[in-house]
Amino acid sequence: MFANFRQAMAWLHTWFGLALGFVLMVCFFFGSLSVFDREIDRWAIPETRFEPQPMPSFDRMLLPLLRQVEPQEADYAANMPALHDAAQGPMTPRRELPADEFWAYTTHRDPVLIMGVGFGVPHPRDPDAHNHIHGNVTIDPRSGTPVRDDALKIGSGWFYPMHYGLNWTWKNLGTWIVGLAGFAMLVALVSGVVMHRKIFREFFTFRPWKRTQRSALDLHNLTGVVALPFHFFFAFTGLLIFAGTVYFPVSHTQLKPLHDRHEALEARATGLPHERSGQPAPLASVDAMVAEAKRRWAARDMAGEVGYLVVHHVGDANSYVSIYRAGSDRVALVGEGIHFKASTGAVLREDPPRTAVSEVNEFLTGLHLQHFEHWLLRWLYVLGGLLGCACIATGFVFFVEKRKQQHAAAGSPGSRVVDALAVTTVTGMVVAALGMLVANRLLPADLAGKGDWEKLAFWSAWGLALAHALWRGAPVARARMNPAWREQCWTIAVLAVAAVVLNAVTTGDHLLKTLFTHPDRAVAGLDLSLLAGAALAVRAARRLALREHAGLRPKAARPSAKVAHG
């Protein structure tokens, strides 16, 4: 079928890249935005525009609020019938479910504090399973005032899950599609290295003055080579992170009995009770436990704040409190957990030193999830993600440019369809994200279900971008450039500037204020990024217009060999 191995690799690279490149484009773009997901949240929810706070007093502030949390109606209706064993008695009413777990979580970039309650199911169908109905609340840690739960956290609640699950949660289908695309990307990277024999030269080669096909291939090769380690690392670690939870979930297979047995043995070895005893017991001062955990961290020369705190088996004699350190000062995703007996505050266990394998795993996971404070490294992540977008986008352009003459002569719609999909994925995706930000500032803050309207704006903008790309794609069938590229670049510029202006008008947080009088790095950073994106979009639109006009000019007749050689 192929003359040599390199041709086979070229075929693999081309068709794997085309078939799943649309998904990978989404992963790279929204992965880049996810680097600053908490900062986007602060822009989208103005009442959270204050500096991040350390975890407040559990005894005085958090515990009274947690005791007021109720199970979520939607969670109860969706999961309670499946968890409850009707043979043991009637289903417990939602508000009568007993609290089994308290937890609180904060980060160095998140001004609000997220906490929740896991409510136990009194008559579970499977006693060994995680039988919880959940109730969550988000608060202002300065005062304990709840923040509206229906306000969509656009960064961490929409853009972030988009990059690994496409916000398609049914049967985890989105995560499976992204996993397939990640595997295809590894294949495309390896095959790309094999097929490019002059890979070092391509590191220094970019000829923007050449025709579109040549300059697109140069940029495709350049961005692919420059960010090759970045692309490989993130595709590989992304697959590793979900391998044990989604792709190969041991606890949900025929190995479940072994998994449950391992949990019981681990509880016995660590001294952390796996089940409730059935005997009530009071809760000692958690603040005292926090102070002891901080003292022990400081004694290890790693003083820090609490990032995550959880009370297991609430109100039971087997209850214990796990306190984890906020690891924002290091790359490895480690918590240095210390566990206390809830009724007395006595230390039950400190997490032991990690093995070499777990050290590597936690470092790679932390490097992917980037919970650290290193701002320069964060911006390098953004640059690497955008280079990935550029590599995929130029791959699309090269694919179309290489074939559109042939398809136009044969009357085939192939290039037109691929080009429309490329426009939708590249510029249309940015239009959708910006449309969501504009909708966030236009919709009233107290609008019921505002988050649902913002999601509708996102999908509507993306759908309109697809319709526009298909409608304006007729020139591709005549081997010319699709004007939708240029027009959507102008749309991006308008929407980006509109988002900045609307933010200033609706909140008063204009750039002069967020940069100088009342500095707010998160809000100012997003506004400046939007303006920079608008400037790049304008430049791209103007360059595309020149390319379009050049393509419309009749080509000069090539001189004959006799004339050419004098």
Protein backbone atom coordinates (compact mmCIF):
# COMPACT_ATOMS: atom_id res chain seq x y z
CA MET A 1 0.00 0.00 0.00
CA PHE A 2 2.88 2.38 0.84
CA ALA A 3 6.24 2.58 -0.90
CA ASN A 4 8.15 2.99 2.36
CA PHE A 5 7.78 3.46 6.10
CA ARG A 6 7.90 7.26 5.87
CA GLN A 7 4.90 7.31 3.53
CA ALA A 8 2.96 5.14 5.97
CA MET A 9 3.81 7.56 8.77
CA ALA A 10 2.79 10.53 6.61
CA TRP A 11 -0.61 8.91 5.94
CA LEU A 12 -1.04 8.17 9.64
CA HIS A 13 -0.07 11.70 10.62
CA THR A 14 -2.38 13.31 8.09
CA TRP A 15 -5.54 11.35 8.72
CA PHE A 16 -5.23 10.89 12.48
CA GLY A 17 -4.51 14.61 12.74
CA LEU A 18 -7.48 15.54 10.58
CA ALA A 19 -9.98 13.15 12.14
CA LEU A 20 -9.25 14.12 15.75
CA GLY A 21 -7.54 17.47 15.31
CA PHE A 22 -10.86 19.26 15.84
CA VAL A 23 -11.10 17.75 19.33
CA LEU A 24 -7.44 18.44 20.07
CA MET A 25 -7.92 22.07 19.09
CA VAL A 26 -10.63 22.39 21.73
CA CYS A 27 -8.39 20.67 24.30
CA PHE A 28 -5.44 22.97 23.64
CA PHE A 29 -7.40 26.21 23.53
CA PHE A 30 -9.52 25.63 26.60
CA GLY A 31 -6.56 24.02 28.33
CA SER A 32 -4.69 27.31 27.79
CA LEU A 33 -7.60 29.25 29.28
CA SER A 34 -7.73 26.81 32.19
CA VAL A 35 -4.27 27.93 33.31
CA PHE A 36 -6.03 31.05 34.58
CA ASP A 37 -9.47 29.56 35.24
CA ARG A 38 -9.79 31.08 38.74
CA GLU A 39 -8.88 34.53 37.41
CA ILE A 40 -11.60 34.19 34.74
CA ASP A 41 -14.03 33.25 37.54
CA ARG A 42 -13.24 36.49 39.34
CA TRP A 43 -13.85 38.48 36.17
CA ALA A 44 -17.15 36.70 35.55
CA ILE A 45 -18.46 37.00 39.14
CA PRO A 46 -17.72 40.57 40.30
CA GLU A 47 -18.68 39.90 43.93
CA THR A 48 -15.64 37.60 44.19
CA ARG A 49 -13.16 40.29 43.16
CA PHE A 50 -11.07 40.33 46.31
CA GLU A 51 -7.76 38.84 47.32
CA PRO A 52 -7.60 35.09 48.09
CA GLN A 53 -7.85 34.34 51.80
CA PRO A 54 -6.45 31.56 54.02
CA MET A 55 -8.95 29.03 55.33
CA PRO A 56 -10.92 30.70 58.16
CA SER A 57 -11.78 29.25 61.57
CA PHE A 58 -13.54 25.91 61.22
CA ASP A 59 -15.03 26.02 64.72
CA ARG A 60 -16.40 29.58 64.58
CA MET A 61 -17.31 30.04 60.91
CA LEU A 62 -17.31 26.88 58.81
CA LEU A 63 -18.94 24.35 61.17
CA PRO A 64 -22.11 26.41 61.83
CA LEU A 65 -22.51 26.97 58.06
CA LEU A 66 -21.93 23.30 57.23
CA ARG A 67 -24.65 22.28 59.69
CA GLN A 68 -27.11 24.45 57.74
CA VAL A 69 -26.33 22.86 54.35
CA GLU A 70 -29.11 20.72 52.87
CA PRO A 71 -28.81 17.91 50.30
CA GLN A 72 -29.19 19.14 46.75
CA GLU A 73 -32.62 18.41 45.32
CA ALA A 74 -31.25 17.43 41.91
CA ASP A 75 -28.67 15.06 43.42
CA TYR A 76 -31.29 13.48 45.67
CA ALA A 77 -33.77 12.96 42.82
CA ALA A 78 -31.16 11.57 40.44
CA ASN A 79 -29.20 9.25 42.76
CA MET A 80 -31.22 8.40 45.85
CA PRO A 81 -33.45 5.75 44.16
CA ALA A 82 -30.35 3.94 42.85
CA LEU A 83 -28.52 4.05 46.19
CA HIS A 84 -31.47 3.14 48.44
CA ASP A 85 -32.42 -0.48 49.15
CA ALA A 86 -36.23 -0.55 49.24
CA ALA A 87 -36.21 -3.99 50.90
CA GLN A 88 -34.80 -2.45 54.09
CA GLY A 89 -37.44 0.24 54.47
CA PRO A 90 -38.84 3.42 52.97
CA MET A 91 -36.59 6.04 51.37
CA THR A 92 -35.44 8.69 53.86
CA PRO A 93 -36.77 12.19 53.05
CA ARG A 94 -34.17 14.54 51.61
CA ARG A 95 -33.95 16.91 54.58
CA GLU A 96 -33.69 14.05 57.08
CA LEU A 97 -30.54 12.49 55.62
CA PRO A 98 -27.75 12.39 58.23
CA ALA A 99 -24.48 14.23 57.59
CA ASP A 100 -21.61 11.77 57.17
CA GLU A 101 -18.82 14.02 55.85
CA PHE A 102 -17.82 17.70 56.04
CA TRP A 103 -15.20 19.19 53.72
CA ALA A 104 -13.72 22.59 52.83
CA TYR A 105 -11.33 23.51 50.01
CA THR A 106 -9.47 26.64 48.98
CA THR A 107 -6.50 27.61 46.81
CA HIS A 108 -4.01 30.47 46.63
CA ARG A 109 -5.82 31.76 43.51
CA ASP A 110 -9.45 31.32 44.60
CA PRO A 111 -10.85 34.13 46.76
CA VAL A 112 -14.00 32.18 47.66
CA LEU A 113 -14.06 29.03 49.75
CA ILE A 114 -15.91 25.94 48.53
CA MET A 115 -17.26 23.50 51.10
CA GLY A 116 -19.86 20.80 51.31
CA VAL A 117 -21.51 17.94 53.11
CA GLY A 118 -21.80 14.30 52.13
CA PHE A 119 -25.11 12.99 53.46
CA GLY A 120 -25.25 9.27 54.19
CA VAL A 121 -27.96 6.97 52.82
CA PRO A 122 -29.45 5.09 55.82
CA HIS A 123 -30.41 1.93 53.90
CA PRO A 124 -27.87 1.60 51.09
CA ARG A 125 -28.12 -0.96 48.34
CA ASP A 126 -24.33 -1.50 48.55
CA PRO A 127 -22.90 -0.78 52.04
CA ASP A 128 -19.31 -0.74 50.73
CA ALA A 129 -19.95 1.91 48.08
CA HIS A 130 -19.64 5.69 48.41
CA ASN A 131 -23.28 6.21 49.36
CA HIS A 132 -23.53 9.98 49.59
CA ILE A 133 -26.02 12.61 48.52
CA HIS A 134 -24.19 15.91 48.32
CA GLY A 135 -24.87 19.46 49.37
CA ASN A 136 -22.38 22.23 48.57
CA VAL A 137 -22.02 25.91 49.40
CA THR A 138 -19.57 28.63 48.34
CA ILE A 139 -18.81 31.43 50.80
CA ASP A 140 -16.87 34.64 51.16
CA PRO A 141 -14.23 33.53 53.71
CA ARG A 142 -13.93 37.05 55.10
CA SER A 143 -17.48 37.08 56.44
CA GLY A 144 -19.00 33.65 55.84
CA THR A 145 -21.60 35.14 53.49
CA PRO A 146 -22.76 32.56 50.92
CA VAL A 147 -22.05 33.33 47.27
CA ARG A 148 -24.84 32.47 44.84
CA ASP A 149 -24.50 28.86 43.72
CA ASP A 150 -26.23 29.45 40.37
CA ALA A 151 -23.53 31.91 39.26
CA LEU A 152 -21.55 29.98 36.66
CA LYS A 153 -17.83 29.93 37.27
CA ILE A 154 -16.98 30.34 33.60
CA GLY A 155 -13.29 29.56 34.08
CA SER A 156 -13.26 26.59 36.45
CA GLY A 157 -16.84 25.45 35.83
CA TRP A 158 -16.99 25.66 32.02
CA PHE A 159 -13.68 26.31 30.24
CA TYR A 160 -11.70 23.93 32.49
CA PRO A 161 -13.94 20.85 32.08
CA MET A 162 -14.28 21.65 28.37
CA HIS A 163 -10.59 20.86 27.81
CA TYR A 164 -10.80 17.31 29.17
CA GLY A 165 -14.46 16.34 28.79
CA LEU A 166 -16.03 18.69 26.19
CA ASN A 167 -18.70 19.38 28.86
CA TRP A 168 -20.36 16.18 27.66
CA THR A 169 -20.91 14.27 30.90
CA TRP A 170 -23.34 11.58 29.73
CA LYS A 171 -21.60 8.22 30.31
CA ASN A 172 -18.31 10.21 30.45
CA LEU A 173 -18.50 10.24 26.67
CA GLY A 174 -16.66 13.55 26.34
CA THR A 175 -13.75 12.27 28.44
CA TRP A 176 -13.54 9.12 26.32
CA ILE A 177 -13.47 11.18 23.11
CA VAL A 178 -10.72 13.39 24.51
CA GLY A 179 -8.79 10.28 25.59
CA LEU A 180 -9.01 8.89 22.06
CA ALA A 181 -7.85 12.24 20.70
CA GLY A 182 -4.96 12.29 23.18
CA PHE A 183 -3.86 8.85 22.03
CA ALA A 184 -4.15 9.94 18.40
CA MET A 185 -2.03 12.97 19.23
CA LEU A 186 0.76 10.76 20.56
CA VAL A 187 0.59 8.79 17.29
CA ALA A 188 0.61 12.02 15.27
CA LEU A 189 3.63 13.35 17.18
CA VAL A 190 5.67 10.18 16.70
CA SER A 191 4.70 9.84 13.05
CA GLY A 192 5.43 13.53 12.50
CA VAL A 193 8.96 13.13 13.82
CA VAL A 194 9.50 10.08 11.58
CA MET A 195 8.22 11.76 8.42
CA HIS A 196 10.23 14.96 8.86
CA ARG A 197 13.82 14.08 8.09
CA LYS A 198 15.00 17.72 8.32
CA ILE A 199 13.40 18.43 11.68
CA PHE A 200 16.31 20.57 12.95
CA ARG A 201 16.18 22.84 9.90
CA GLU A 202 12.42 23.23 10.29
CA PHE A 203 13.08 24.67 13.74
CA PHE A 204 14.50 27.78 11.99
CA THR A 205 12.32 27.89 8.86
CA PHE A 206 9.32 30.19 8.42
CA ARG A 207 8.59 31.98 5.14
CA PRO A 208 5.44 34.11 5.66
CA TRP A 209 5.86 35.80 2.27
CA LYS A 210 5.39 32.52 0.42
CA ARG A 211 2.02 31.28 -0.82
CA THR A 212 -0.45 30.09 1.79
CA GLN A 213 0.30 26.38 1.43
CA ARG A 214 4.03 26.85 1.92
CA SER A 215 3.83 29.33 4.82
CA ALA A 216 1.16 27.22 6.56
CA LEU A 217 3.38 24.14 6.35
CA ASP A 218 6.38 26.10 7.63
CA LEU A 219 4.40 27.36 10.62
CA HIS A 220 2.93 23.90 11.23
CA ASN A 221 6.41 22.37 11.34
CA LEU A 222 7.89 25.20 13.38
CA THR A 223 5.21 25.18 16.11
CA GLY A 224 5.21 21.40 16.19
CA VAL A 225 8.97 21.18 16.68
CA VAL A 226 9.29 24.07 19.16
CA ALA A 227 6.60 22.74 21.51
CA LEU A 228 7.10 19.01 20.84
CA PRO A 229 8.07 18.12 24.45
CA PHE A 230 5.15 20.18 25.77
CA HIS A 231 2.64 18.52 23.45
CA PHE A 232 3.87 15.02 24.19
CA PHE A 233 3.97 15.60 27.94
CA PHE A 234 0.43 16.93 28.22
CA ALA A 235 -1.09 14.29 25.98
CA PHE A 236 0.68 11.53 27.91
CA THR A 237 -0.01 12.82 31.43
CA GLY A 238 -3.63 13.61 30.55
CA LEU A 239 -4.12 9.96 29.64
CA LEU A 240 -2.38 8.86 32.85
CA ILE A 241 -4.55 11.06 35.07
CA PHE A 242 -7.78 9.53 33.78
CA ALA A 243 -6.47 6.01 33.33
CA GLY A 244 -7.44 4.80 36.80
CA THR A 245 -10.64 6.80 37.24
CA VAL A 246 -12.38 6.76 33.86
CA TYR A 247 -10.65 4.54 31.32
CA PHE A 248 -9.82 1.61 33.63
CA PRO A 249 -11.84 2.13 36.84
CA VAL A 250 -10.82 -0.85 38.96
CA SER A 251 -13.47 -0.13 41.60
CA HIS A 252 -16.24 -0.52 39.00
CA THR A 253 -15.10 -3.78 37.39
CA GLN A 254 -14.93 -7.44 38.36
CA LEU A 255 -11.98 -6.44 40.56
CA LYS A 256 -14.31 -4.46 42.85
CA PRO A 257 -14.23 -7.07 45.69
CA LEU A 258 -10.43 -6.92 45.63
CA HIS A 259 -10.56 -3.13 45.63
CA ASP A 260 -12.94 -3.06 48.61
CA ARG A 261 -10.76 -5.57 50.47
CA HIS A 262 -7.71 -3.40 49.84
CA GLU A 263 -9.53 -0.37 51.30
CA ALA A 264 -10.43 -2.33 54.44
CA LEU A 265 -6.85 -3.58 54.88
CA GLU A 266 -5.49 -0.09 54.29
CA ALA A 267 -7.81 1.31 56.95
CA ARG A 268 -6.61 -1.33 59.40
CA ALA A 269 -2.95 -0.61 58.61
CA THR A 270 -3.28 3.18 58.86
CA GLY A 271 -5.59 3.28 61.85
CA LEU A 272 -8.10 5.39 59.94
CA PRO A 273 -11.54 3.79 60.38
CA HIS A 274 -13.13 2.58 57.16
CA GLU A 275 -16.70 2.44 58.54
CA ARG A 276 -18.84 4.07 61.20
CA SER A 277 -19.02 2.38 64.61
CA GLY A 278 -22.62 3.31 65.31
CA GLN A 279 -21.63 4.99 68.60
CA PRO A 280 -22.13 8.78 68.82
CA ALA A 281 -19.24 11.03 69.82
CA PRO A 282 -18.67 14.82 69.95
CA LEU A 283 -16.35 16.78 67.67
CA ALA A 284 -13.31 18.33 69.37
CA SER A 285 -11.83 21.67 68.29
CA VAL A 286 -10.80 21.38 64.65
CA ASP A 287 -8.99 24.72 64.94
CA ALA A 288 -6.67 23.12 67.48
CA MET A 289 -6.03 20.27 65.05
CA VAL A 290 -5.25 22.80 62.30
CA ALA A 291 -2.77 24.56 64.58
CA GLU A 292 -1.07 21.24 65.37
CA ALA A 293 -0.89 20.33 61.67
CA LYS A 294 0.74 23.69 60.88
CA ARG A 295 3.23 23.17 63.72
CA ARG A 296 4.21 19.76 62.36
CA TRP A 297 4.59 21.09 58.80
CA ALA A 298 6.80 23.90 60.09
CA ALA A 299 8.91 21.37 62.00
CA ARG A 300 9.55 19.64 58.66
CA ASP A 301 10.72 22.98 57.22
CA MET A 302 7.63 23.27 55.00
CA ALA A 303 5.40 25.79 56.77
CA GLY A 304 2.14 26.43 54.92
CA GLU A 305 -1.60 26.97 55.03
CA VAL A 306 -4.43 24.45 54.92
CA GLY A 307 -5.73 23.69 51.44
CA TYR A 308 -8.21 20.88 52.09
CA LEU A 309 -9.92 19.70 55.27
CA VAL A 310 -12.38 16.83 55.64
CA VAL A 311 -14.24 15.37 58.63
CA HIS A 312 -15.08 11.69 58.03
CA HIS A 313 -17.96 9.81 59.75
CA VAL A 314 -19.40 12.98 61.30
CA GLY A 315 -20.75 12.50 64.85
CA ASP A 316 -19.46 8.93 65.20
CA ALA A 317 -16.88 7.45 67.57
CA ASN A 318 -14.86 6.43 64.47
CA SER A 319 -14.85 9.98 63.11
CA TYR A 320 -11.50 11.42 62.13
CA VAL A 321 -10.28 14.69 60.61
CA SER A 322 -7.86 14.82 57.66
CA ILE A 323 -5.97 18.07 57.10
CA TYR A 324 -3.93 18.60 53.93
CA ARG A 325 -1.39 21.29 53.24
CA ALA A 326 -1.92 23.70 50.33
CA GLY A 327 0.97 22.72 48.06
CA SER A 328 1.05 25.84 45.92
CA ASP A 329 4.76 26.38 46.66
CA ARG A 330 5.81 23.23 44.81
CA VAL A 331 5.09 21.49 41.53
CA ALA A 332 4.36 18.00 42.89
CA LEU A 333 0.71 17.53 43.86
CA VAL A 334 1.25 16.60 47.52
CA GLY A 335 -0.86 17.36 50.57
CA GLU A 336 1.30 16.12 53.47
CA GLY A 337 -1.88 14.90 55.16
CA ILE A 338 -2.16 14.67 58.95
CA HIS A 339 -5.11 12.78 60.43
CA PHE A 340 -6.65 13.33 63.88
CA LYS A 341 -9.20 11.49 65.98
CA ALA A 342 -12.24 13.78 65.78
CA SER A 343 -13.47 13.27 69.36
CA THR A 344 -10.13 13.98 71.07
CA GLY A 345 -7.85 15.73 68.58
CA ALA A 346 -5.14 13.10 69.02
CA VAL A 347 -2.92 12.48 65.99
CA LEU A 348 -3.77 9.15 64.39
CA ARG A 349 -1.37 9.25 61.47
CA GLU A 350 0.93 11.38 59.37
CA ASP A 351 1.24 10.47 55.71
CA PRO A 352 4.55 8.59 55.33
CA PRO A 353 7.36 9.61 52.97
CA ARG A 354 6.47 8.86 49.38
CA THR A 355 8.00 6.09 47.34
CA ALA A 356 9.99 6.85 44.21
CA VAL A 357 7.07 5.77 42.02
CA SER A 358 4.56 7.96 43.88
CA GLU A 359 7.02 10.87 43.75
CA VAL A 360 7.16 10.64 39.97
CA ASN A 361 3.39 10.24 39.71
CA GLU A 362 2.67 13.24 41.94
CA PHE A 363 5.23 15.38 40.13
CA LEU A 364 3.81 14.58 36.70
CA THR A 365 0.24 15.07 37.92
CA GLY A 366 1.13 18.36 39.57
CA LEU A 367 2.96 19.53 36.47
CA HIS A 368 -0.16 18.85 34.39
CA LEU A 369 -2.70 20.33 36.83
CA GLN A 370 -0.41 23.32 37.66
CA HIS A 371 -1.66 24.23 41.14
CA PHE A 372 1.62 26.04 41.85
CA GLU A 373 2.18 29.79 42.20
CA HIS A 374 4.91 30.18 39.55
CA TRP A 375 3.39 32.85 37.27
CA LEU A 376 6.11 32.75 34.62
CA LEU A 377 5.67 28.99 34.26
CA ARG A 378 1.91 29.51 33.96
CA TRP A 379 2.40 31.88 31.05
CA LEU A 380 4.74 29.36 29.44
CA TYR A 381 1.88 26.86 29.71
CA VAL A 382 -0.38 29.32 27.90
CA LEU A 383 2.26 29.83 25.22
CA GLY A 384 2.67 26.07 24.79
CA GLY A 385 -1.09 25.58 24.51
CA LEU A 386 -1.42 28.35 21.93
CA LEU A 387 1.49 26.88 19.96
CA GLY A 388 -0.49 23.64 19.93
CA CYS A 389 -3.49 25.54 18.57
CA ALA A 390 -1.32 27.15 15.90
CA CYS A 391 0.16 23.76 14.93
CA ILE A 392 -3.27 22.17 14.50
CA ALA A 393 -4.82 25.20 12.76
CA THR A 394 -1.99 25.42 10.21
CA GLY A 395 -2.32 21.67 9.67
CA PHE A 396 -5.96 22.22 8.70
CA VAL A 397 -5.02 25.08 6.38
CA PHE A 398 -2.26 23.05 4.72
CA PHE A 399 -4.63 20.10 4.22
CA VAL A 400 -7.19 22.30 2.45
CA GLU A 401 -4.68 24.32 0.42
CA LYS A 402 -2.95 21.18 -0.84
CA ARG A 403 -6.19 19.64 -2.10
CA LYS A 404 -8.59 22.43 -3.01
CA GLN A 405 -7.31 22.82 -6.60
CA GLN A 406 -7.78 19.12 -7.20
CA HIS A 407 -11.19 19.07 -5.49
CA ALA A 408 -12.34 22.15 -7.42
CA ALA A 409 -11.39 20.51 -10.73
CA ALA A 410 -13.23 17.32 -9.75
CA GLY A 411 -16.25 19.14 -8.29
CA SER A 412 -15.67 17.46 -4.90
CA PRO A 413 -16.99 19.25 -1.76
CA GLY A 414 -14.28 17.71 0.45
CA SER A 415 -12.08 20.78 0.83
CA ARG A 416 -15.06 23.05 1.41
CA VAL A 417 -16.39 20.85 4.23
CA VAL A 418 -12.99 20.49 5.92
CA ASP A 419 -12.35 24.21 5.59
CA ALA A 420 -15.72 25.09 7.15
CA LEU A 421 -15.04 22.74 10.05
CA ALA A 422 -11.58 24.24 10.47
CA VAL A 423 -12.99 27.78 10.55
CA THR A 424 -15.57 26.69 13.13
CA THR A 425 -12.97 24.98 15.29
CA VAL A 426 -10.28 27.67 15.09
CA THR A 427 -11.99 31.06 14.98
CA GLY A 428 -15.52 29.88 15.80
CA MET A 429 -14.36 28.42 19.12
CA VAL A 430 -12.85 31.78 20.11
CA VAL A 431 -16.06 33.54 19.05
CA ALA A 432 -18.02 31.17 21.31
CA ALA A 433 -15.78 31.84 24.33
CA LEU A 434 -15.92 35.60 23.84
CA GLY A 435 -19.66 35.48 23.24
CA MET A 436 -20.01 33.82 26.64
CA LEU A 437 -18.02 36.59 28.33
CA VAL A 438 -20.08 39.28 26.61
CA ALA A 439 -23.30 37.54 27.66
CA ASN A 440 -21.96 37.36 31.22
CA ARG A 441 -21.67 41.16 31.33
CA LEU A 442 -24.94 41.86 29.48
CA LEU A 443 -27.21 39.56 31.52
CA PRO A 444 -28.48 40.93 34.87
CA ALA A 445 -26.48 39.63 37.84
CA ASP A 446 -29.66 38.54 39.66
CA LEU A 447 -31.17 36.74 36.67
CA ALA A 448 -32.46 33.31 37.69
CA GLY A 449 -30.50 30.58 35.92
CA LYS A 450 -27.98 33.08 34.53
CA GLY A 451 -25.41 30.32 34.06
CA ASP A 452 -27.77 28.41 31.76
CA TRP A 453 -28.21 31.52 29.62
CA GLU A 454 -24.44 31.92 29.42
CA LYS A 455 -24.07 28.31 28.28
CA LEU A 456 -26.79 28.92 25.68
CA ALA A 457 -24.87 31.97 24.44
CA PHE A 458 -21.72 29.85 24.12
CA TRP A 459 -23.32 27.07 22.07
CA SER A 460 -25.38 29.54 20.01
CA ALA A 461 -22.32 31.57 19.08
CA TRP A 462 -20.45 28.42 18.10
CA GLY A 463 -23.41 27.16 16.07
CA LEU A 464 -23.66 30.49 14.26
CA ALA A 465 -19.94 30.34 13.50
CA LEU A 466 -20.45 26.93 11.88
CA ALA A 467 -23.41 28.16 9.84
CA HIS A 468 -21.44 31.22 8.75
CA ALA A 469 -18.41 29.12 7.73
CA LEU A 470 -20.58 26.80 5.64
CA TRP A 471 -22.52 29.67 4.06
CA ARG A 472 -19.38 31.62 3.10
CA GLY A 473 -17.45 28.55 1.93
CA ALA A 474 -18.40 28.70 -1.75
CA PRO A 475 -15.05 30.24 -2.85
CA VAL A 476 -13.23 27.15 -1.53
CA ALA A 477 -15.04 25.08 -4.15
CA ARG A 478 -13.40 27.39 -6.72
CA ALA A 479 -9.95 26.92 -5.11
CA ARG A 480 -10.06 30.29 -3.36
CA MET A 481 -9.93 31.33 0.29
CA ASN A 482 -13.00 31.22 2.52
CA PRO A 483 -13.80 34.83 3.59
CA ALA A 484 -15.24 33.41 6.82
CA TRP A 485 -11.69 33.28 8.20
CA ARG A 486 -11.31 37.03 7.83
CA GLU A 487 -14.85 37.88 8.92
CA GLN A 488 -14.66 35.79 12.07
CA CYS A 489 -11.34 37.40 12.96
CA TRP A 490 -13.10 40.77 12.84
CA THR A 491 -15.87 39.29 14.99
CA ILE A 492 -13.29 38.15 17.54
CA ALA A 493 -11.81 41.65 17.69
CA VAL A 494 -15.22 43.29 18.19
CA LEU A 495 -16.33 40.83 20.87
CA ALA A 496 -13.04 41.09 22.78
CA VAL A 497 -13.19 44.88 22.92
CA ALA A 498 -16.90 44.72 23.78
CA ALA A 499 -16.17 42.44 26.74
CA VAL A 500 -13.60 44.89 28.12
CA VAL A 501 -15.91 47.89 27.65
CA LEU A 502 -18.92 46.07 29.16
CA ASN A 503 -16.85 45.04 32.18
CA ALA A 504 -15.90 48.67 32.78
CA VAL A 505 -19.47 49.91 32.32
CA THR A 506 -21.27 47.26 34.39
CA THR A 507 -18.79 46.97 37.28
CA GLY A 508 -16.75 50.17 37.23
CA ASP A 509 -13.57 48.10 37.17
CA HIS A 510 -11.92 49.75 34.18
CA LEU A 511 -8.25 49.28 33.42
CA LEU A 512 -7.12 52.53 35.05
CA LYS A 513 -8.70 51.32 38.27
CA THR A 514 -7.57 47.68 38.16
CA LEU A 515 -4.04 48.65 37.15
CA PHE A 516 -3.39 51.72 39.32
CA THR A 517 -5.93 53.02 41.84
CA HIS A 518 -7.27 49.66 43.11
CA PRO A 519 -4.98 47.02 41.59
CA ASP A 520 -6.66 43.73 40.70
CA ARG A 521 -4.24 41.51 38.81
CA ALA A 522 -6.88 38.97 37.79
CA VAL A 523 -9.36 41.42 36.26
CA ALA A 524 -6.70 43.63 34.69
CA GLY A 525 -4.91 40.58 33.31
CA LEU A 526 -8.01 39.28 31.56
CA ASP A 527 -8.91 42.71 30.16
CA LEU A 528 -5.37 43.17 28.81
CA SER A 529 -5.41 39.67 27.35
CA LEU A 530 -8.70 40.43 25.61
CA LEU A 531 -7.28 43.62 24.12
CA ALA A 532 -4.13 41.80 23.00
CA GLY A 533 -6.31 39.12 21.41
CA ALA A 534 -8.32 41.81 19.64
CA ALA A 535 -5.13 43.37 18.24
CA LEU A 536 -3.91 39.98 16.98
CA ALA A 537 -7.31 39.29 15.42
CA VAL A 538 -7.26 42.64 13.58
CA ARG A 539 -3.75 41.93 12.27
CA ALA A 540 -4.82 38.44 11.17
CA ALA A 541 -7.92 39.82 9.44
CA ARG A 542 -5.86 42.36 7.49
CA ARG A 543 -3.31 39.73 6.43
CA LEU A 544 -6.11 37.41 5.35
CA ALA A 545 -7.66 40.20 3.30
CA LEU A 546 -4.36 40.65 1.44
CA ARG A 547 -4.21 36.90 0.78
CA GLU A 548 -7.77 36.94 -0.53
CA HIS A 549 -7.04 39.82 -2.92
CA ALA A 550 -3.86 38.14 -4.09
CA GLY A 551 -5.84 34.98 -4.83
CA LEU A 552 -8.38 36.93 -6.89
CA ARG A 553 -5.74 38.46 -9.20
CA PRO A 554 -5.19 36.49 -12.42
CA LYS A 555 -1.93 34.58 -12.38
CA ALA A 556 0.71 35.84 -14.80
CA ALA A 557 1.69 33.42 -17.55
CA ARG A 558 4.93 31.63 -16.77
CA PRO A 559 7.76 32.50 -19.24
CA SER A 560 8.87 29.83 -21.64
CA ALA A 561 12.14 28.03 -21.05
CA LYS A 562 13.77 29.89 -23.96
CA VAL A 563 12.82 33.31 -22.60
CA ALA A 564 13.62 32.35 -19.05
CA HIS A 565 17.16 31.33 -19.95
CA GLY A 566 17.80 34.28 -22.26
